[in-house]
N, C-alpha and C. Protein backbone atom coordinates (compact mmCIF):
# COMPACT_ATOMS: atom_id res chain seq x y z
N MET A 1 -10.81 40.66 -51.19
CA MET A 1 -10.28 38.89 -51.23
C MET A 1 -10.53 39.54 -49.55
N ALA A 2 -11.48 38.32 -48.99
CA ALA A 2 -11.38 38.23 -47.08
C ALA A 2 -10.22 37.42 -46.93
N GLU A 3 -10.10 38.04 -45.99
CA GLU A 3 -9.33 36.76 -45.34
C GLU A 3 -9.99 35.79 -44.62
N ALA A 4 -9.24 34.62 -44.25
CA ALA A 4 -9.84 32.99 -43.16
C ALA A 4 -9.44 33.98 -42.28
N LYS A 5 -10.29 33.95 -41.45
CA LYS A 5 -10.49 33.26 -39.74
C LYS A 5 -9.82 32.20 -39.11
N ALA A 6 -8.22 32.54 -38.96
CA ALA A 6 -7.27 31.05 -37.91
C ALA A 6 -8.00 30.53 -37.14
N PRO A 7 -8.39 29.38 -36.37
CA PRO A 7 -9.03 28.57 -35.99
C PRO A 7 -8.30 29.14 -34.82
N PRO A 8 -9.08 28.98 -33.27
CA PRO A 8 -8.66 29.78 -31.90
C PRO A 8 -7.22 28.56 -31.97
N ARG A 9 -6.61 29.48 -31.38
CA ARG A 9 -5.01 28.50 -31.14
C ARG A 9 -5.63 27.73 -29.72
N PRO A 10 -4.71 26.62 -29.16
CA PRO A 10 -4.93 25.84 -27.96
C PRO A 10 -4.86 26.49 -26.94
N GLN A 11 -5.31 26.25 -25.77
CA GLN A 11 -4.95 26.63 -24.37
C GLN A 11 -4.53 26.14 -23.76
N TYR A 12 -3.38 25.80 -23.40
CA TYR A 12 -2.45 25.11 -22.31
C TYR A 12 -2.94 25.44 -20.75
N ARG A 13 -3.02 25.13 -19.83
CA ARG A 13 -3.05 25.17 -18.51
C ARG A 13 -2.56 24.64 -17.69
N ASN A 14 -2.29 25.47 -16.40
CA ASN A 14 -1.63 24.12 -14.97
C ASN A 14 -2.83 23.49 -14.74
N ILE A 15 -3.00 22.22 -14.35
CA ILE A 15 -3.55 21.69 -13.70
C ILE A 15 -3.63 21.57 -12.10
N HIS A 16 -4.56 21.24 -11.67
CA HIS A 16 -4.53 21.40 -9.88
C HIS A 16 -4.49 19.63 -9.76
N VAL A 17 -3.67 19.79 -8.74
CA VAL A 17 -3.65 17.85 -7.81
C VAL A 17 -4.85 17.54 -8.19
N THR A 18 -5.93 18.00 -8.05
CA THR A 18 -7.44 17.41 -8.13
C THR A 18 -8.00 16.63 -9.41
N GLN A 19 -7.39 17.72 -10.40
CA GLN A 19 -7.44 17.26 -11.40
C GLN A 19 -6.60 16.58 -12.04
N ILE A 20 -5.84 15.52 -11.70
CA ILE A 20 -4.39 14.79 -12.27
C ILE A 20 -4.91 13.25 -12.70
N MET A 21 -6.25 12.95 -12.00
CA MET A 21 -6.68 11.29 -12.69
C MET A 21 -7.62 11.81 -13.69
N GLN A 22 -8.48 13.15 -14.32
CA GLN A 22 -9.07 13.56 -15.56
C GLN A 22 -7.68 14.02 -16.52
N TYR A 23 -6.87 14.15 -16.20
CA TYR A 23 -5.99 14.82 -17.37
C TYR A 23 -5.01 13.17 -17.97
N ARG A 24 -4.70 13.23 -18.77
CA ARG A 24 -4.25 12.15 -19.73
C ARG A 24 -3.13 12.41 -20.03
N LEU A 25 -2.10 11.92 -18.86
CA LEU A 25 -0.24 11.80 -19.22
C LEU A 25 0.07 11.10 -20.04
N PRO A 26 1.16 11.37 -21.07
CA PRO A 26 2.06 10.16 -21.41
C PRO A 26 2.44 9.09 -20.18
N LEU A 27 2.88 7.82 -21.14
CA LEU A 27 3.87 7.21 -19.45
C LEU A 27 4.67 7.77 -19.10
N ALA A 28 5.86 8.33 -20.24
CA ALA A 28 7.04 9.45 -19.93
C ALA A 28 6.62 10.23 -18.24
N GLY A 29 5.19 11.03 -18.40
CA GLY A 29 4.83 12.07 -17.17
C GLY A 29 4.83 11.09 -15.79
N TYR A 30 4.16 9.94 -15.88
CA TYR A 30 3.85 8.88 -15.18
C TYR A 30 5.21 8.10 -13.96
N VAL A 31 6.40 8.36 -15.09
CA VAL A 31 7.46 7.77 -14.69
C VAL A 31 7.91 9.08 -13.83
N SER A 32 8.14 9.91 -14.83
CA SER A 32 8.65 11.34 -13.83
C SER A 32 8.39 11.88 -12.67
N ILE A 33 6.60 11.25 -12.83
CA ILE A 33 5.55 11.89 -10.90
C ILE A 33 6.42 10.21 -10.01
N LEU A 34 6.50 9.34 -10.37
CA LEU A 34 6.57 8.11 -9.77
C LEU A 34 8.11 8.21 -9.01
N HIS A 35 9.12 8.86 -10.25
CA HIS A 35 10.68 9.34 -9.47
C HIS A 35 11.14 10.41 -8.37
N ARG A 36 9.81 11.10 -8.50
CA ARG A 36 9.90 12.19 -7.50
C ARG A 36 8.71 11.25 -6.05
N VAL A 37 7.97 10.73 -6.58
CA VAL A 37 7.16 10.19 -5.11
C VAL A 37 8.67 9.04 -4.72
N SER A 38 9.20 8.31 -5.62
CA SER A 38 10.11 7.52 -5.14
C SER A 38 11.47 7.90 -4.16
N GLY A 39 11.42 8.94 -4.83
CA GLY A 39 13.31 9.60 -3.91
C GLY A 39 12.30 10.38 -2.54
N ALA A 40 11.21 10.65 -2.45
CA ALA A 40 10.66 11.04 -1.32
C ALA A 40 10.08 10.05 -0.27
N LEU A 41 9.63 8.90 -0.50
CA LEU A 41 9.30 8.17 0.31
C LEU A 41 11.18 7.35 0.42
N MET A 42 11.60 7.67 -0.37
CA MET A 42 13.36 7.02 -0.21
C MET A 42 13.96 7.93 1.63
N PHE A 43 13.45 9.24 1.23
CA PHE A 43 13.93 10.88 1.97
C PHE A 43 13.02 10.11 3.58
N VAL A 44 11.73 9.86 3.22
CA VAL A 44 10.67 9.73 4.47
C VAL A 44 11.53 8.44 5.39
N LEU A 45 11.38 7.42 4.71
CA LEU A 45 12.37 6.43 5.12
C LEU A 45 13.10 5.84 5.80
N LEU A 46 14.39 6.78 5.59
CA LEU A 46 15.84 7.02 5.62
C LEU A 46 15.79 6.90 7.05
N PRO A 47 15.04 7.15 7.93
CA PRO A 47 15.33 6.99 9.88
C PRO A 47 15.03 5.77 9.82
N PHE A 48 14.30 5.36 9.15
CA PHE A 48 13.57 3.69 9.41
C PHE A 48 15.40 2.80 9.19
N VAL A 49 15.09 3.18 8.06
CA VAL A 49 16.42 2.07 7.20
C VAL A 49 17.61 1.87 8.08
N LEU A 50 17.87 3.33 8.12
CA LEU A 50 19.12 4.03 9.87
C LEU A 50 19.32 3.23 10.39
N TYR A 51 17.82 3.36 11.59
CA TYR A 51 17.46 2.26 12.30
C TYR A 51 17.64 0.73 12.20
N LEU A 52 16.86 0.34 11.70
CA LEU A 52 17.53 -1.20 11.07
C LEU A 52 18.87 -1.36 11.20
N PHE A 53 19.24 -0.86 9.85
CA PHE A 53 21.25 -1.16 10.03
C PHE A 53 21.64 -0.55 11.84
N ASP A 54 21.22 -0.06 12.15
CA ASP A 54 21.97 0.47 13.40
C ASP A 54 21.64 -0.56 14.59
N ARG A 55 20.77 -1.56 14.56
CA ARG A 55 19.99 -2.29 15.18
C ARG A 55 20.78 -3.95 14.70
N SER A 56 20.78 -3.45 13.47
CA SER A 56 21.38 -5.27 13.01
C SER A 56 23.22 -5.36 13.36
N LEU A 57 23.78 -4.61 14.16
CA LEU A 57 24.79 -4.49 13.87
C LEU A 57 25.69 -4.19 15.50
N THR A 58 24.57 -4.02 16.20
CA THR A 58 25.02 -4.02 18.14
C THR A 58 25.90 -5.06 18.76
N SER A 59 24.43 -5.89 18.47
CA SER A 59 25.48 -7.10 18.98
C SER A 59 24.29 -8.46 17.96
N GLU A 60 24.79 -9.99 18.68
CA GLU A 60 23.99 -11.19 18.32
C GLU A 60 22.67 -11.01 18.78
N LEU A 61 22.44 -10.48 20.00
CA LEU A 61 20.79 -10.39 20.51
C LEU A 61 20.06 -9.51 19.51
N ALA A 62 21.20 -8.38 19.36
CA ALA A 62 20.20 -7.27 18.97
C ALA A 62 19.67 -7.48 17.28
N PHE A 63 21.00 -8.15 17.01
CA PHE A 63 20.50 -9.00 15.30
C PHE A 63 19.33 -10.07 15.37
N GLY A 64 18.87 -10.70 16.51
CA GLY A 64 17.85 -11.52 16.62
C GLY A 64 16.64 -11.05 16.70
N ARG A 65 16.52 -9.40 17.63
CA ARG A 65 15.83 -8.76 17.97
C ARG A 65 15.61 -8.41 16.09
N PHE A 66 16.18 -7.73 15.35
CA PHE A 66 16.21 -7.73 14.31
C PHE A 66 15.29 -8.47 13.23
N GLN A 67 16.23 -9.91 13.41
CA GLN A 67 15.05 -10.90 12.61
C GLN A 67 13.94 -10.92 12.97
N ALA A 68 13.48 -10.83 14.24
CA ALA A 68 12.31 -11.06 14.86
C ALA A 68 11.26 -10.00 14.03
N LEU A 69 12.27 -8.14 14.44
CA LEU A 69 11.08 -7.33 13.83
C LEU A 69 11.14 -7.67 12.64
N THR A 70 11.80 -7.75 11.58
CA THR A 70 11.62 -8.13 10.01
C THR A 70 11.02 -8.69 9.15
N SER A 71 10.37 -10.02 10.25
CA SER A 71 9.62 -11.22 10.40
C SER A 71 8.16 -10.48 10.24
N HIS A 72 7.20 -9.42 10.70
CA HIS A 72 6.43 -9.16 11.25
C HIS A 72 6.05 -8.57 8.81
N TRP A 73 4.80 -8.58 9.14
CA TRP A 73 4.28 -9.27 7.64
C TRP A 73 4.72 -7.05 7.29
N PHE A 74 4.22 -6.40 7.94
CA PHE A 74 4.22 -4.86 7.67
C PHE A 74 5.46 -4.42 7.76
N VAL A 75 6.43 -4.83 8.33
CA VAL A 75 7.72 -4.47 8.31
C VAL A 75 8.53 -4.88 6.96
N LYS A 76 7.74 -6.22 6.43
CA LYS A 76 8.20 -6.56 4.93
C LYS A 76 7.39 -5.46 4.05
N LEU A 77 6.09 -5.27 3.79
CA LEU A 77 5.80 -4.52 3.29
C LEU A 77 6.20 -3.17 3.22
N LEU A 78 6.86 -2.54 4.14
CA LEU A 78 7.52 -1.25 4.07
C LEU A 78 9.33 -1.29 3.83
N ILE A 79 9.86 -2.55 3.83
CA ILE A 79 10.61 -2.79 3.06
C ILE A 79 10.32 -3.03 1.18
N LEU A 80 10.10 -3.78 1.37
CA LEU A 80 9.19 -4.14 0.11
C LEU A 80 8.93 -2.53 -0.78
N ALA A 81 8.14 -1.64 0.29
CA ALA A 81 8.17 -0.13 -0.19
C ALA A 81 9.76 0.25 -0.63
N LEU A 82 10.41 0.35 0.05
CA LEU A 82 11.57 0.50 0.01
C LEU A 82 12.69 0.36 -1.15
N ALA A 83 12.27 -0.73 -1.15
CA ALA A 83 12.80 -1.73 -2.45
C ALA A 83 12.56 -1.20 -3.64
N TRP A 84 11.53 -1.02 -4.01
CA TRP A 84 10.17 -0.46 -4.89
C TRP A 84 11.12 1.00 -5.52
N ALA A 85 10.62 2.15 -4.36
CA ALA A 85 11.47 3.23 -4.68
C ALA A 85 12.77 3.27 -4.82
N TYR A 86 13.43 2.39 -4.33
CA TYR A 86 15.32 2.59 -4.78
C TYR A 86 15.42 1.72 -6.45
N LEU A 87 14.57 0.57 -6.77
CA LEU A 87 14.86 0.02 -8.03
C LEU A 87 14.14 1.10 -8.69
N HIS A 88 12.81 1.93 -8.65
CA HIS A 88 12.00 2.91 -10.36
C HIS A 88 13.36 3.91 -10.03
N HIS A 89 13.52 4.27 -8.65
CA HIS A 89 14.60 5.83 -8.80
C HIS A 89 15.46 5.33 -9.23
N PHE A 90 16.08 4.87 -9.56
CA PHE A 90 17.58 4.14 -9.79
C PHE A 90 17.76 4.18 -11.52
N CYS A 91 16.13 3.22 -11.79
CA CYS A 91 15.97 2.83 -13.35
C CYS A 91 15.88 4.58 -13.73
N ALA A 92 14.71 5.22 -13.16
CA ALA A 92 14.41 6.59 -14.08
C ALA A 92 15.45 7.60 -13.78
N GLY A 93 16.10 7.26 -12.89
CA GLY A 93 17.75 8.19 -13.30
C GLY A 93 18.09 8.15 -13.91
N VAL A 94 18.46 6.75 -14.28
CA VAL A 94 18.85 6.46 -15.81
C VAL A 94 18.60 7.17 -17.06
N ARG A 95 17.51 6.75 -16.61
CA ARG A 95 16.85 7.37 -17.77
C ARG A 95 16.85 9.13 -17.78
N HIS A 96 16.82 10.02 -17.02
CA HIS A 96 17.59 10.98 -17.21
C HIS A 96 18.24 11.55 -17.37
N LEU A 97 19.51 10.29 -16.80
CA LEU A 97 20.66 10.47 -17.59
C LEU A 97 21.08 10.74 -18.92
N PHE A 98 20.76 9.48 -19.46
CA PHE A 98 20.71 9.73 -20.90
C PHE A 98 19.63 10.98 -21.85
N MET A 99 18.65 11.46 -21.27
CA MET A 99 17.81 12.54 -21.71
C MET A 99 18.46 13.94 -21.80
N ASP A 100 19.46 14.17 -20.40
CA ASP A 100 20.42 15.09 -19.88
C ASP A 100 21.73 15.20 -21.33
N LYS A 101 22.03 13.65 -21.60
CA LYS A 101 22.67 14.40 -22.80
C LYS A 101 22.23 14.09 -24.12
N HIS A 102 20.35 14.53 -24.08
CA HIS A 102 19.91 14.81 -25.70
C HIS A 102 19.79 13.68 -26.01
N MET A 103 19.35 12.42 -25.13
CA MET A 103 19.37 10.81 -26.03
C MET A 103 17.84 11.15 -25.48
N TRP A 104 16.95 10.13 -26.54
CA TRP A 104 15.59 9.66 -25.96
C TRP A 104 14.71 10.66 -25.64
N LEU A 105 14.51 12.15 -26.18
CA LEU A 105 13.53 12.92 -26.15
C LEU A 105 12.89 13.14 -27.12
N GLU A 106 12.83 12.57 -28.24
CA GLU A 106 11.75 12.22 -29.00
C GLU A 106 10.35 12.00 -28.73
N LYS A 107 9.18 12.27 -28.56
CA LYS A 107 7.88 11.41 -28.15
C LYS A 107 8.29 9.63 -28.25
N GLY A 108 8.04 9.10 -29.43
CA GLY A 108 8.48 7.69 -29.73
C GLY A 108 9.67 7.40 -28.63
N GLN A 109 10.57 7.79 -28.97
CA GLN A 109 11.79 7.43 -27.88
C GLN A 109 11.73 7.11 -26.21
N ALA A 110 10.71 8.18 -25.88
CA ALA A 110 10.61 8.96 -24.62
C ALA A 110 9.79 8.08 -23.97
N LYS A 111 8.40 7.24 -24.93
CA LYS A 111 7.32 6.58 -24.74
C LYS A 111 8.57 5.10 -23.69
N SER A 112 9.50 4.75 -25.24
CA SER A 112 9.99 3.42 -25.07
C SER A 112 11.13 3.23 -23.85
N SER A 113 11.46 4.44 -23.59
CA SER A 113 12.69 4.68 -23.04
C SER A 113 11.46 4.63 -21.12
N ALA A 114 10.51 4.80 -21.16
CA ALA A 114 9.70 4.81 -20.07
C ALA A 114 8.98 3.50 -19.93
N VAL A 115 9.10 3.19 -20.99
CA VAL A 115 8.34 1.13 -20.87
C VAL A 115 9.26 0.22 -20.08
N ALA A 116 11.14 0.99 -20.49
CA ALA A 116 11.89 0.37 -20.73
C ALA A 116 12.10 0.10 -18.78
N VAL A 117 11.96 1.66 -18.24
CA VAL A 117 12.36 1.51 -16.60
C VAL A 117 10.59 0.53 -16.48
N PHE A 118 9.79 0.61 -16.53
CA PHE A 118 8.88 -0.28 -15.88
C PHE A 118 8.84 -1.44 -16.30
N ALA A 119 9.35 -2.04 -17.24
CA ALA A 119 9.57 -3.61 -17.64
C ALA A 119 11.43 -4.03 -17.02
N VAL A 120 12.05 -3.03 -16.38
CA VAL A 120 13.34 -3.45 -15.42
C VAL A 120 12.47 -3.32 -14.32
N SER A 121 12.56 -2.36 -13.35
CA SER A 121 12.15 -2.02 -12.15
C SER A 121 10.64 -2.95 -11.77
N LEU A 122 9.56 -3.00 -12.09
CA LEU A 122 8.23 -3.61 -11.62
C LEU A 122 8.97 -5.27 -11.51
N PRO A 123 10.00 -5.83 -12.46
CA PRO A 123 9.91 -7.53 -12.53
C PRO A 123 10.69 -7.40 -11.23
N LEU A 124 12.10 -6.73 -11.09
CA LEU A 124 13.24 -6.76 -10.17
C LEU A 124 12.49 -6.14 -8.64
N THR A 125 11.58 -5.85 -8.65
CA THR A 125 10.41 -5.70 -7.60
C THR A 125 10.16 -6.58 -7.20
N ALA A 126 9.40 -7.35 -7.82
CA ALA A 126 8.46 -8.97 -7.65
C ALA A 126 9.17 -9.88 -7.10
N LEU A 127 10.71 -10.32 -8.05
CA LEU A 127 11.73 -11.17 -7.44
C LEU A 127 11.87 -10.45 -6.13
N VAL A 128 12.39 -9.34 -5.48
CA VAL A 128 12.75 -8.86 -4.14
C VAL A 128 11.34 -9.03 -3.28
N ALA A 129 10.19 -9.20 -3.88
CA ALA A 129 8.88 -9.36 -3.18
C ALA A 129 9.08 -11.17 -2.55
N LEU A 130 8.79 -12.09 -3.91
CA LEU A 130 9.22 -12.89 -3.27
C LEU A 130 10.54 -14.07 -2.96
N LYS A 131 11.35 -13.18 -2.54
CA LYS A 131 12.35 -13.64 -1.60
C LYS A 131 12.06 -12.89 -0.33
N LEU A 132 11.96 -11.92 -0.40
CA LEU A 132 11.57 -11.29 1.01
C LEU A 132 10.39 -12.43 1.57
N PHE A 133 9.01 -12.56 0.93
CA PHE A 133 8.19 -13.39 1.27
C PHE A 133 8.28 -14.43 1.77
N GLY A 134 9.46 -15.40 0.87
CA GLY A 134 10.17 -16.55 1.47
C GLY A 134 9.08 -17.48 0.43
N VAL A 135 9.23 -16.96 -0.67
CA VAL A 135 8.55 -18.08 -1.96
C VAL A 135 9.99 -18.51 -1.98
N PHE A 136 11.23 -18.09 -2.17
CA PHE A 136 12.72 -18.79 -2.79
C PHE A 136 13.74 -18.75 -1.83
């Protein structure tokens, strides 16, 4: 009796950064990458935040200069980027804490928790943007 030839096994290879747009990541993968990006963004913008905090506390005149500085649209975008980074990093961090407790590890649950991270962090960021740009 002839043995049946087994189908070839799939090969999983590491991908390069330049190939990331061609690779189909699951939603949880995007949350993980954005978690790292938001952490790096908070780290890079930390000197800016400390400068703003220092300027706002020295005197009333310095606080007035602080208000003038933060009224510029580019500074507001930096503050909004920092707010998004914090909110996303916090929500994804809570998700990772649950995963450390061996919860939400199945494929469907991981996708649901990734959707929850976006469903919480993006509307909160939109609220910060509306407040920052003076809608209410």
